[in-house]
Amino acid sequence: MVETGLVYRTPGLYHLVLWGLYRGRPRDRFAAVRQEVERGDTVVDLCAGTSLLYEALAGVAGRYQAFDLNERFVAALCRQGIEAECRDVRTMEIPPADVVTMCSALYHFHPHCLEMLARMRASARKKVVVVEPVRNNANSPVPCWGAFARWASRVGDNPVDFHFTPDSLGLLLEQVPGRKRLELICGGRDARLVLEN
């Protein structure tokens, strides 16, 4: 079983952390994804986490497939009857879908984010939708707090030292070809990146 930081130990703890970070409105970020999904669209959700996106897409999406490296999260999704598999998104073949999504995980692929986005786009018939935090506790100027946030949000043995800011995500987007959109959501805490095919 892959080692994780405290944030990803259990679905309940993850939801509690999101509730605190988003001041009781963690579902707003998943509603921002739902706005990009048309009725009947098939969705592949990479680094899916818990069922919050699945719940946001209820009654809209057609087939929903979730992939995550966290065995605890995947087991919880399967217990809810959600089609989920424990896979390493870095190496797996991404199944084709109308929409390929990723929420709060692109930073884990640094410095290979461009390659990850290209792989997602190659599997998306319509679009890629990424919601990424750009105002992070991990970037805190208070050294101890930032270090703790990076440790608590790790996947694997080491903390992730890179997290996006609005500027660094904008610079990444400049290198992505084709039609694309970037906008701040959730009071500026997150950004929604859409790559259209």
C-alpha atoms as a PDB file:
ATOM      1  CA  MET A   1       0.000   0.000   0.000  1.00  0.00           C
ATOM      2  CA  VAL A   2       1.384   3.412  -0.979  1.00  0.00           C
ATOM      3  CA  GLU A   3       2.316   5.685   1.912  1.00  0.00           C
ATOM      4  CA  THR A   4       0.423   8.965   2.133  1.00  0.00           C
ATOM      5  CA  GLY A   5       0.346  12.072   4.267  1.00  0.00           C
ATOM      6  CA  LEU A   6      -2.356  12.675   6.845  1.00  0.00           C
ATOM      7  CA  VAL A   7      -4.640  14.406   4.350  1.00  0.00           C
ATOM      8  CA  TYR A   8      -5.049  11.205   2.327  1.00  0.00           C
ATOM      9  CA  ARG A   9      -5.226   8.627   5.129  1.00  0.00           C
ATOM     10  CA  THR A  10      -9.010   8.185   5.049  1.00  0.00           C
ATOM     11  CA  PRO A  11     -11.879   9.630   2.991  1.00  0.00           C
ATOM     12  CA  GLY A  12     -13.400  11.092   6.155  1.00  0.00           C
ATOM     13  CA  LEU A  13     -10.223  12.944   7.094  1.00  0.00           C
ATOM     14  CA  TYR A  14      -9.834  14.182   3.534  1.00  0.00           C
ATOM     15  CA  HIS A  15     -13.375  15.575   3.547  1.00  0.00           C
ATOM     16  CA  LEU A  16     -12.733  17.247   6.916  1.00  0.00           C
ATOM     17  CA  VAL A  17      -9.604  18.934   5.575  1.00  0.00           C
ATOM     18  CA  LEU A  18     -11.466  20.133   2.467  1.00  0.00           C
ATOM     19  CA  TRP A  19     -14.304  21.447   4.618  1.00  0.00           C
ATOM     20  CA  GLY A  20     -11.808  23.524   6.575  1.00  0.00           C
ATOM     21  CA  LEU A  21      -9.825  24.754   3.583  1.00  0.00           C
ATOM     22  CA  TYR A  22     -12.936  25.777   1.664  1.00  0.00           C
ATOM     23  CA  ARG A  23     -14.790  27.218   4.671  1.00  0.00           C
ATOM     24  CA  GLY A  24     -17.577  24.672   4.542  1.00  0.00           C
ATOM     25  CA  ARG A  25     -17.988  24.771   0.749  1.00  0.00           C
ATOM     26  CA  PRO A  26     -15.696  22.049  -0.642  1.00  0.00           C
ATOM     27  CA  ARG A  27     -18.245  21.006  -3.253  1.00  0.00           C
ATOM     28  CA  ASP A  28     -17.905  24.323  -5.107  1.00  0.00           C
ATOM     29  CA  ARG A  29     -14.701  23.133  -6.791  1.00  0.00           C
ATOM     30  CA  PHE A  30     -16.414  19.984  -8.069  1.00  0.00           C
ATOM     31  CA  ALA A  31     -19.405  22.008  -9.263  1.00  0.00           C
ATOM     32  CA  ALA A  32     -16.903  23.922 -11.412  1.00  0.00           C
ATOM     33  CA  VAL A  33     -16.070  20.646 -13.160  1.00  0.00           C
ATOM     34  CA  ARG A  34     -19.743  19.758 -13.566  1.00  0.00           C
ATOM     35  CA  GLN A  35     -20.268  23.008 -15.493  1.00  0.00           C
ATOM     36  CA  GLU A  36     -17.960  21.631 -18.191  1.00  0.00           C
ATOM     37  CA  VAL A  37     -19.713  18.250 -18.562  1.00  0.00           C
ATOM     38  CA  GLU A  38     -22.686  17.825 -20.896  1.00  0.00           C
ATOM     39  CA  ARG A  39     -25.507  15.393 -20.238  1.00  0.00           C
ATOM     40  CA  GLY A  40     -24.462  11.863 -21.153  1.00  0.00           C
ATOM     41  CA  ASP A  41     -20.743  12.620 -21.397  1.00  0.00           C
ATOM     42  CA  THR A  42     -18.424   9.815 -20.356  1.00  0.00           C
ATOM     43  CA  VAL A  43     -15.886  10.910 -17.741  1.00  0.00           C
ATOM     44  CA  VAL A  44     -12.504   9.504 -16.754  1.00  0.00           C
ATOM     45  CA  ASP A  45     -11.398  10.960 -13.425  1.00  0.00           C
ATOM     46  CA  LEU A  46      -7.665  10.688 -12.718  1.00  0.00           C
ATOM     47  CA  CYS A  47      -6.347  10.890  -9.145  1.00  0.00           C
ATOM     48  CA  ALA A  48     -10.025  10.725  -8.273  1.00  0.00           C
ATOM     49  CA  GLY A  49      -9.764  10.779  -4.495  1.00  0.00           C
ATOM     50  CA  THR A  50     -13.199  10.377  -2.947  1.00  0.00           C
ATOM     51  CA  SER A  51     -16.724  10.466  -4.326  1.00  0.00           C
ATOM     52  CA  LEU A  52     -17.217  14.257  -4.352  1.00  0.00           C
ATOM     53  CA  LEU A  53     -16.840  14.639  -8.120  1.00  0.00           C
ATOM     54  CA  TYR A  54     -18.967  11.550  -8.741  1.00  0.00           C
ATOM     55  CA  GLU A  55     -21.705  13.098  -6.596  1.00  0.00           C
ATOM     56  CA  ALA A  56     -21.396  16.435  -8.414  1.00  0.00           C
ATOM     57  CA  LEU A  57     -21.856  14.693 -11.771  1.00  0.00           C
ATOM     58  CA  ALA A  58     -24.876  12.643 -10.673  1.00  0.00           C
ATOM     59  CA  GLY A  59     -27.672  12.928 -13.211  1.00  0.00           C
ATOM     60  CA  VAL A  60     -25.389  14.549 -15.792  1.00  0.00           C
ATOM     61  CA  ALA A  61     -22.514  12.279 -16.737  1.00  0.00           C
ATOM     62  CA  GLY A  62     -22.921   8.945 -18.451  1.00  0.00           C
ATOM     63  CA  ARG A  63     -20.252   6.406 -17.558  1.00  0.00           C
ATOM     64  CA  TYR A  64     -17.858   7.584 -14.825  1.00  0.00           C
ATOM     65  CA  GLN A  65     -14.521   5.823 -14.260  1.00  0.00           C
ATOM     66  CA  ALA A  66     -12.261   6.704 -11.322  1.00  0.00           C
ATOM     67  CA  PHE A  67      -8.536   5.942 -11.045  1.00  0.00           C
ATOM     68  CA  ASP A  68      -6.363   6.591  -8.011  1.00  0.00           C
ATOM     69  CA  LEU A  69      -3.180   5.267  -6.422  1.00  0.00           C
ATOM     70  CA  ASN A  70      -4.663   5.402  -2.910  1.00  0.00           C
ATOM     71  CA  GLU A  71      -6.010   1.924  -2.131  1.00  0.00           C
ATOM     72  CA  ARG A  72      -8.127   3.177   0.780  1.00  0.00           C
ATOM     73  CA  PHE A  73      -9.892   5.728  -1.398  1.00  0.00           C
ATOM     74  CA  VAL A  74     -10.454   3.244  -4.228  1.00  0.00           C
ATOM     75  CA  ALA A  75     -11.873   0.662  -1.813  1.00  0.00           C
ATOM     76  CA  ALA A  76     -14.275   3.283  -0.445  1.00  0.00           C
ATOM     77  CA  LEU A  77     -15.393   4.193  -3.976  1.00  0.00           C
ATOM     78  CA  CYS A  78     -15.985   0.543  -4.857  1.00  0.00           C
ATOM     79  CA  ARG A  79     -18.058   0.057  -1.699  1.00  0.00           C
ATOM     80  CA  GLN A  80     -20.323   2.847  -2.987  1.00  0.00           C
ATOM     81  CA  GLY A  81     -20.782   1.020  -6.280  1.00  0.00           C
ATOM     82  CA  ILE A  82     -18.552   3.427  -8.212  1.00  0.00           C
ATOM     83  CA  GLU A  83     -16.422   2.047 -11.047  1.00  0.00           C
ATOM     84  CA  ALA A  84     -12.930   2.607  -9.627  1.00  0.00           C
ATOM     85  CA  GLU A  85      -9.492   1.062 -10.034  1.00  0.00           C
ATOM     86  CA  CYS A  86      -6.251   1.393  -8.094  1.00  0.00           C
ATOM     87  CA  ARG A  87      -3.787   2.476 -10.787  1.00  0.00           C
ATOM     88  CA  ASP A  88      -0.673   4.621 -11.079  1.00  0.00           C
ATOM     89  CA  VAL A  89      -1.796   7.482 -13.302  1.00  0.00           C
ATOM     90  CA  ARG A  90       1.834   8.212 -14.233  1.00  0.00           C
ATOM     91  CA  THR A  91       2.147   4.964 -16.176  1.00  0.00           C
ATOM     92  CA  MET A  92      -1.362   3.705 -16.914  1.00  0.00           C
ATOM     93  CA  GLU A  93      -3.001   3.925 -20.325  1.00  0.00           C
ATOM     94  CA  ILE A  94      -5.732   6.527 -19.956  1.00  0.00           C
ATOM     95  CA  PRO A  95      -9.040   5.165 -21.295  1.00  0.00           C
ATOM     96  CA  PRO A  96     -10.808   7.301 -23.906  1.00  0.00           C
ATOM     97  CA  ALA A  97     -13.693   9.433 -22.663  1.00  0.00           C
ATOM     98  CA  ASP A  98     -15.577  12.568 -23.634  1.00  0.00           C
ATOM     99  CA  VAL A  99     -14.079  14.414 -20.669  1.00  0.00           C
ATOM    100  CA  VAL A 100     -10.900  13.593 -18.758  1.00  0.00           C
ATOM    101  CA  THR A 101     -10.636  15.275 -15.357  1.00  0.00           C
ATOM    102  CA  MET A 102      -8.141  15.776 -12.562  1.00  0.00           C
ATOM    103  CA  CYS A 103      -8.750  17.662  -9.310  1.00  0.00           C
ATOM    104  CA  SER A 104      -5.969  18.885  -7.013  1.00  0.00           C
ATOM    105  CA  ALA A 105      -3.305  16.548  -8.318  1.00  0.00           C
ATOM    106  CA  LEU A 106      -1.463  18.096 -11.274  1.00  0.00           C
ATOM    107  CA  TYR A 107       1.290  19.374  -8.976  1.00  0.00           C
ATOM    108  CA  HIS A 108       2.187  15.765  -8.138  1.00  0.00           C
ATOM    109  CA  PHE A 109       3.447  15.365 -11.720  1.00  0.00           C
ATOM    110  CA  HIS A 110       5.893  18.294 -11.643  1.00  0.00           C
ATOM    111  CA  PRO A 111       8.151  18.707 -13.590  1.00  0.00           C
ATOM    112  CA  HIS A 112       6.263  16.558 -16.122  1.00  0.00           C
ATOM    113  CA  CYS A 113       2.919  18.398 -16.039  1.00  0.00           C
ATOM    114  CA  LEU A 114       2.975  19.220 -19.754  1.00  0.00           C
ATOM    115  CA  GLU A 115       3.374  15.554 -20.615  1.00  0.00           C
ATOM    116  CA  MET A 116       0.541  14.631 -18.265  1.00  0.00           C
ATOM    117  CA  LEU A 117      -1.782  17.194 -19.843  1.00  0.00           C
ATOM    118  CA  ALA A 118      -0.862  15.941 -23.322  1.00  0.00           C
ATOM    119  CA  ARG A 119      -1.675  12.359 -22.346  1.00  0.00           C
ATOM    120  CA  MET A 120      -5.014  13.456 -20.911  1.00  0.00           C
ATOM    121  CA  ARG A 121      -5.857  15.441 -24.019  1.00  0.00           C
ATOM    122  CA  ALA A 122      -5.002  12.513 -26.280  1.00  0.00           C
ATOM    123  CA  SER A 123      -7.653  10.426 -24.482  1.00  0.00           C
ATOM    124  CA  ALA A 124     -10.328  13.149 -24.317  1.00  0.00           C
ATOM    125  CA  ARG A 125     -12.809  13.327 -27.179  1.00  0.00           C
ATOM    126  CA  LYS A 126     -14.135  16.731 -26.099  1.00  0.00           C
ATOM    127  CA  LYS A 127     -12.043  18.305 -23.358  1.00  0.00           C
ATOM    128  CA  VAL A 128      -9.749  18.040 -20.372  1.00  0.00           C
ATOM    129  CA  VAL A 129     -10.849  19.726 -17.146  1.00  0.00           C
ATOM    130  CA  VAL A 130      -8.309  20.306 -14.389  1.00  0.00           C
ATOM    131  CA  VAL A 131      -9.061  22.023 -11.092  1.00  0.00           C
ATOM    132  CA  GLU A 132      -5.826  22.897  -9.315  1.00  0.00           C
ATOM    133  CA  PRO A 133      -5.191  24.757  -6.059  1.00  0.00           C
ATOM    134  CA  VAL A 134      -3.130  27.895  -6.636  1.00  0.00           C
ATOM    135  CA  ARG A 135      -3.279  29.348  -3.122  1.00  0.00           C
ATOM    136  CA  ASN A 136      -1.693  26.659  -0.982  1.00  0.00           C
ATOM    137  CA  ASN A 137      -0.728  26.267   2.651  1.00  0.00           C
ATOM    138  CA  ALA A 138       2.323  24.433   1.292  1.00  0.00           C
ATOM    139  CA  ASN A 139       3.505  27.787  -0.122  1.00  0.00           C
ATOM    140  CA  SER A 140       3.104  29.487   3.266  1.00  0.00           C
ATOM    141  CA  PRO A 141       5.822  32.009   4.182  1.00  0.00           C
ATOM    142  CA  VAL A 142       5.766  30.501   7.685  1.00  0.00           C
ATOM    143  CA  PRO A 143       8.462  27.800   7.250  1.00  0.00           C
ATOM    144  CA  CYS A 144       7.158  25.261   9.760  1.00  0.00           C
ATOM    145  CA  TRP A 145       3.564  25.512   8.531  1.00  0.00           C
ATOM    146  CA  GLY A 146       4.556  25.182   4.875  1.00  0.00           C
ATOM    147  CA  ALA A 147       6.762  22.179   5.631  1.00  0.00           C
ATOM    148  CA  PHE A 148       3.958  20.509   7.596  1.00  0.00           C
ATOM    149  CA  ALA A 149       1.448  21.122   4.780  1.00  0.00           C
ATOM    150  CA  ARG A 150       3.829  19.595   2.227  1.00  0.00           C
ATOM    151  CA  TRP A 151       4.429  16.569   4.446  1.00  0.00           C
ATOM    152  CA  ALA A 152       0.721  16.092   5.194  1.00  0.00           C
ATOM    153  CA  SER A 153      -0.235  16.173   1.502  1.00  0.00           C
ATOM    154  CA  ARG A 154       2.429  13.802   0.203  1.00  0.00           C
ATOM    155  CA  VAL A 155       1.755  10.665  -1.805  1.00  0.00           C
ATOM    156  CA  GLY A 156       4.694   8.312  -1.429  1.00  0.00           C
ATOM    157  CA  ASP A 157       7.699   8.705   0.818  1.00  0.00           C
ATOM    158  CA  ASN A 158       8.643  12.313   0.173  1.00  0.00           C
ATOM    159  CA  PRO A 159       6.808  15.627   0.477  1.00  0.00           C
ATOM    160  CA  VAL A 160       6.062  17.451  -2.768  1.00  0.00           C
ATOM    161  CA  ASP A 161       8.114  20.639  -2.856  1.00  0.00           C
ATOM    162  CA  PHE A 162       6.277  22.192  -5.812  1.00  0.00           C
ATOM    163  CA  HIS A 163       2.771  23.655  -5.743  1.00  0.00           C
ATOM    164  CA  PHE A 164       1.200  25.918  -8.343  1.00  0.00           C
ATOM    165  CA  THR A 165       0.553  29.619  -8.001  1.00  0.00           C
ATOM    166  CA  PRO A 166      -1.653  31.559 -10.434  1.00  0.00           C
ATOM    167  CA  ASP A 167       1.489  32.747 -12.231  1.00  0.00           C
ATOM    168  CA  SER A 168       3.175  29.348 -12.531  1.00  0.00           C
ATOM    169  CA  LEU A 169      -0.032  27.718 -13.781  1.00  0.00           C
ATOM    170  CA  GLY A 170      -0.419  30.519 -16.313  1.00  0.00           C
ATOM    171  CA  LEU A 171       3.148  29.960 -17.523  1.00  0.00           C
ATOM    172  CA  LEU A 172       2.428  26.252 -17.912  1.00  0.00           C
ATOM    173  CA  LEU A 173      -0.695  27.002 -19.924  1.00  0.00           C
ATOM    174  CA  GLU A 174       1.292  29.219 -22.303  1.00  0.00           C
ATOM    175  CA  GLN A 175       3.213  26.099 -23.354  1.00  0.00           C
ATOM    176  CA  VAL A 176       0.047  24.087 -24.089  1.00  0.00           C
ATOM    177  CA  PRO A 177      -1.056  24.243 -27.736  1.00  0.00           C
ATOM    178  CA  GLY A 178      -4.623  24.480 -28.956  1.00  0.00           C
ATOM    179  CA  ARG A 179      -7.795  25.924 -27.473  1.00  0.00           C
ATOM    180  CA  LYS A 180      -7.624  26.466 -23.731  1.00  0.00           C
ATOM    181  CA  ARG A 181      -9.149  28.452 -20.894  1.00  0.00           C
ATOM    182  CA  LEU A 182      -7.940  29.319 -17.398  1.00  0.00           C
ATOM    183  CA  GLU A 183      -9.950  31.048 -14.690  1.00  0.00           C
ATOM    184  CA  LEU A 184      -9.778  31.425 -10.935  1.00  0.00           C
ATOM    185  CA  ILE A 185     -12.601  29.819  -8.916  1.00  0.00           C
ATOM    186  CA  CYS A 186     -13.466  29.284  -5.253  1.00  0.00           C
ATOM    187  CA  GLY A 187     -12.518  32.815  -4.289  1.00  0.00           C
ATOM    188  CA  GLY A 188      -9.144  32.503  -5.985  1.00  0.00           C
ATOM    189  CA  ARG A 189      -8.066  29.418  -4.069  1.00  0.00           C
ATOM    190  CA  ASP A 190      -8.289  27.181  -7.176  1.00  0.00           C
ATOM    191  CA  ALA A 191      -7.979  27.571 -10.913  1.00  0.00           C
ATOM    192  CA  ARG A 192     -10.015  25.735 -13.547  1.00  0.00           C
ATOM    193  CA  LEU A 193      -8.031  24.801 -16.622  1.00  0.00           C
ATOM    194  CA  VAL A 194      -9.934  23.569 -19.683  1.00  0.00           C
ATOM    195  CA  LEU A 195      -8.263  22.168 -22.789  1.00  0.00           C
ATOM    196  CA  GLU A 196     -10.705  21.770 -25.669  1.00  0.00           C
ATOM    197  CA  ASN A 197     -10.374  19.329 -28.567  1.00  0.00           C
END
